[in-house]
C-alpha cells in the first residue's frame, strides 16, 4: 500500500481569489478615465441633441 506524503505547502484557495480581485481593481483604476470621458461625451451630446 503506497501513501502520498503530506504536501509541504498548505492549500491556499484564497490566493487565486486575491489575485483576481487585484486584477479587477487594477483594470478599474486604469480604465476609469477613458470610460468616464466616453460616457460624458455621450451624455453631453445627448443633452445638446435634446435642446
N, C-alpha and C. Protein backbone atom coordinates (compact mmCIF):
# COMPACT_ATOMS: atom_id res chain seq x y z
N UNK A 1 0.85 -1.17 0.00
CA UNK A 1 0.00 0.00 0.00
C UNK A 1 0.90 1.24 0.00
N UNK A 2 0.69 2.10 -0.96
CA UNK A 2 1.51 3.31 -1.03
C UNK A 2 0.70 4.50 -0.55
N UNK A 3 1.33 5.32 0.18
CA UNK A 3 0.68 6.55 0.66
C UNK A 3 1.49 7.74 0.17
N UNK A 4 0.79 8.79 -0.11
CA UNK A 4 1.49 10.01 -0.55
C UNK A 4 1.83 10.84 0.68
N UNK A 5 3.02 11.39 0.71
CA UNK A 5 3.38 12.22 1.86
C UNK A 5 2.56 13.52 1.84
N UNK A 6 2.31 14.07 2.98
CA UNK A 6 1.56 15.33 3.02
C UNK A 6 2.34 16.43 2.31
N UNK A 7 1.61 17.30 1.68
CA UNK A 7 2.24 18.39 0.93
C UNK A 7 2.92 19.36 1.89
N UNK A 8 4.09 19.85 1.47
CA UNK A 8 4.80 20.79 2.33
C UNK A 8 4.18 22.19 2.25
N UNK A 9 3.43 22.44 1.16
CA UNK A 9 2.77 23.74 1.02
C UNK A 9 1.31 23.61 1.43
N UNK A 10 0.83 24.50 2.27
CA UNK A 10 -0.59 24.43 2.65
C UNK A 10 -1.47 24.89 1.48
N UNK A 11 -2.66 24.36 1.45
CA UNK A 11 -3.61 24.76 0.41
C UNK A 11 -4.07 26.19 0.68
N UNK A 12 -4.06 27.00 -0.38
CA UNK A 12 -4.47 28.40 -0.23
C UNK A 12 -5.51 28.75 -1.28
N UNK A 13 -6.77 28.42 -1.02
CA UNK A 13 -7.80 28.71 -2.03
C UNK A 13 -8.06 30.20 -2.19
N UNK A 14 -7.72 31.00 -1.20
CA UNK A 14 -7.99 32.43 -1.27
C UNK A 14 -6.94 33.18 -2.08
N UNK A 15 -5.80 32.56 -2.38
CA UNK A 15 -4.77 33.26 -3.13
C UNK A 15 -5.23 33.54 -4.56
N UNK A 16 -5.93 32.62 -5.17
CA UNK A 16 -6.45 32.85 -6.53
C UNK A 16 -7.51 33.95 -6.50
N UNK A 17 -8.34 33.93 -5.48
CA UNK A 17 -9.36 34.98 -5.36
C UNK A 17 -8.72 36.34 -5.17
N UNK A 18 -7.68 36.41 -4.36
CA UNK A 18 -6.98 37.68 -4.12
C UNK A 18 -6.31 38.19 -5.38
N UNK A 19 -5.72 37.29 -6.15
CA UNK A 19 -5.08 37.69 -7.41
C UNK A 19 -6.12 38.20 -8.39
N UNK A 20 -7.26 37.56 -8.45
CA UNK A 20 -8.35 38.01 -9.34
C UNK A 20 -8.89 39.36 -8.91
N UNK A 21 -9.05 39.55 -7.61
CA UNK A 21 -9.55 40.84 -7.11
C UNK A 21 -8.55 41.95 -7.40
N UNK A 22 -7.27 41.66 -7.27
CA UNK A 22 -6.25 42.67 -7.58
C UNK A 22 -6.27 43.02 -9.06
N UNK A 23 -6.47 42.04 -9.92
CA UNK A 23 -6.54 42.30 -11.36
C UNK A 23 -7.75 43.15 -11.71
N UNK A 24 -8.89 42.86 -11.10
CA UNK A 24 -10.10 43.65 -11.36
C UNK A 24 -9.91 45.08 -10.86
N UNK A 25 -9.30 45.25 -9.70
CA UNK A 25 -9.06 46.60 -9.16
C UNK A 25 -8.10 47.37 -10.05
N UNK A 26 -7.05 46.72 -10.54
CA UNK A 26 -6.09 47.39 -11.42
C UNK A 26 -6.76 47.80 -12.72
N UNK A 27 -7.60 46.95 -13.27
CA UNK A 27 -8.31 47.28 -14.50
C UNK A 27 -9.25 48.46 -14.28
N UNK A 28 -9.95 48.47 -13.16
CA UNK A 28 -10.87 49.56 -12.88
C UNK A 28 -10.14 50.90 -12.76
N UNK A 29 -8.99 50.90 -12.11
CA UNK A 29 -8.22 52.13 -11.94
C UNK A 29 -7.67 52.60 -13.29
N UNK A 30 -7.21 51.66 -14.09
CA UNK A 30 -6.60 52.00 -15.38
C UNK A 30 -7.63 52.51 -16.38
N UNK A 31 -8.79 51.90 -16.43
CA UNK A 31 -9.77 52.20 -17.47
C UNK A 31 -10.81 53.22 -17.07
N UNK A 32 -10.78 53.69 -15.85
CA UNK A 32 -11.84 54.57 -15.38
C UNK A 32 -11.85 55.91 -16.10
N UNK A 33 -10.71 56.51 -16.36
CA UNK A 33 -10.66 57.80 -17.04
C UNK A 33 -11.23 57.78 -18.44
N UNK A 34 -10.74 56.89 -19.30
CA UNK A 34 -11.29 56.83 -20.66
C UNK A 34 -12.78 56.49 -20.70
N UNK A 35 -13.22 55.58 -19.83
CA UNK A 35 -14.64 55.23 -19.82
C UNK A 35 -15.50 56.42 -19.39
N UNK A 36 -15.06 57.15 -18.39
CA UNK A 36 -15.82 58.32 -17.96
C UNK A 36 -15.83 59.40 -19.04
N UNK A 37 -14.73 59.54 -19.76
CA UNK A 37 -14.68 60.53 -20.85
C UNK A 37 -15.66 60.17 -21.95
N UNK A 38 -15.70 58.90 -22.33
CA UNK A 38 -16.62 58.47 -23.39
C UNK A 38 -18.07 58.64 -22.93
N UNK A 39 -18.37 58.21 -21.72
CA UNK A 39 -19.74 58.33 -21.24
C UNK A 39 -20.14 59.79 -21.06
N UNK A 40 -19.21 60.63 -20.63
CA UNK A 40 -19.50 62.06 -20.51
C UNK A 40 -19.76 62.70 -21.86
N UNK A 41 -18.97 62.31 -22.85
CA UNK A 41 -19.18 62.83 -24.20
C UNK A 41 -20.53 62.43 -24.76
N UNK A 42 -20.93 61.19 -24.51
CA UNK A 42 -22.25 60.73 -24.97
C UNK A 42 -23.35 61.52 -24.25
N UNK A 43 -23.16 61.75 -22.96
CA UNK A 43 -24.17 62.49 -22.20
C UNK A 43 -24.28 63.93 -22.67
N UNK A 44 -23.16 64.60 -22.92
CA UNK A 44 -23.20 65.98 -23.40
C UNK A 44 -23.85 66.05 -24.78
N UNK A 45 -23.49 65.11 -25.65
CA UNK A 45 -24.08 65.08 -26.99
C UNK A 45 -25.58 64.85 -26.90
N UNK A 46 -26.01 63.98 -26.03
CA UNK A 46 -27.45 63.73 -25.87
C UNK A 46 -28.16 64.96 -25.33
N UNK A 47 -27.52 65.65 -24.38
CA UNK A 47 -28.16 66.84 -23.81
C UNK A 47 -28.28 67.94 -24.88
N UNK A 48 -27.25 68.11 -25.70
CA UNK A 48 -27.31 69.13 -26.76
C UNK A 48 -28.37 68.74 -27.79
N UNK A 49 -28.46 67.47 -28.11
CA UNK A 49 -29.45 66.99 -29.06
C UNK A 49 -30.87 67.17 -28.55
N UNK A 50 -31.05 67.04 -27.24
CA UNK A 50 -32.39 67.21 -26.67
C UNK A 50 -32.84 68.66 -26.71
N UNK A 51 -31.89 69.60 -26.66
CA UNK A 51 -32.25 71.02 -26.71
C UNK A 51 -32.55 71.40 -28.14
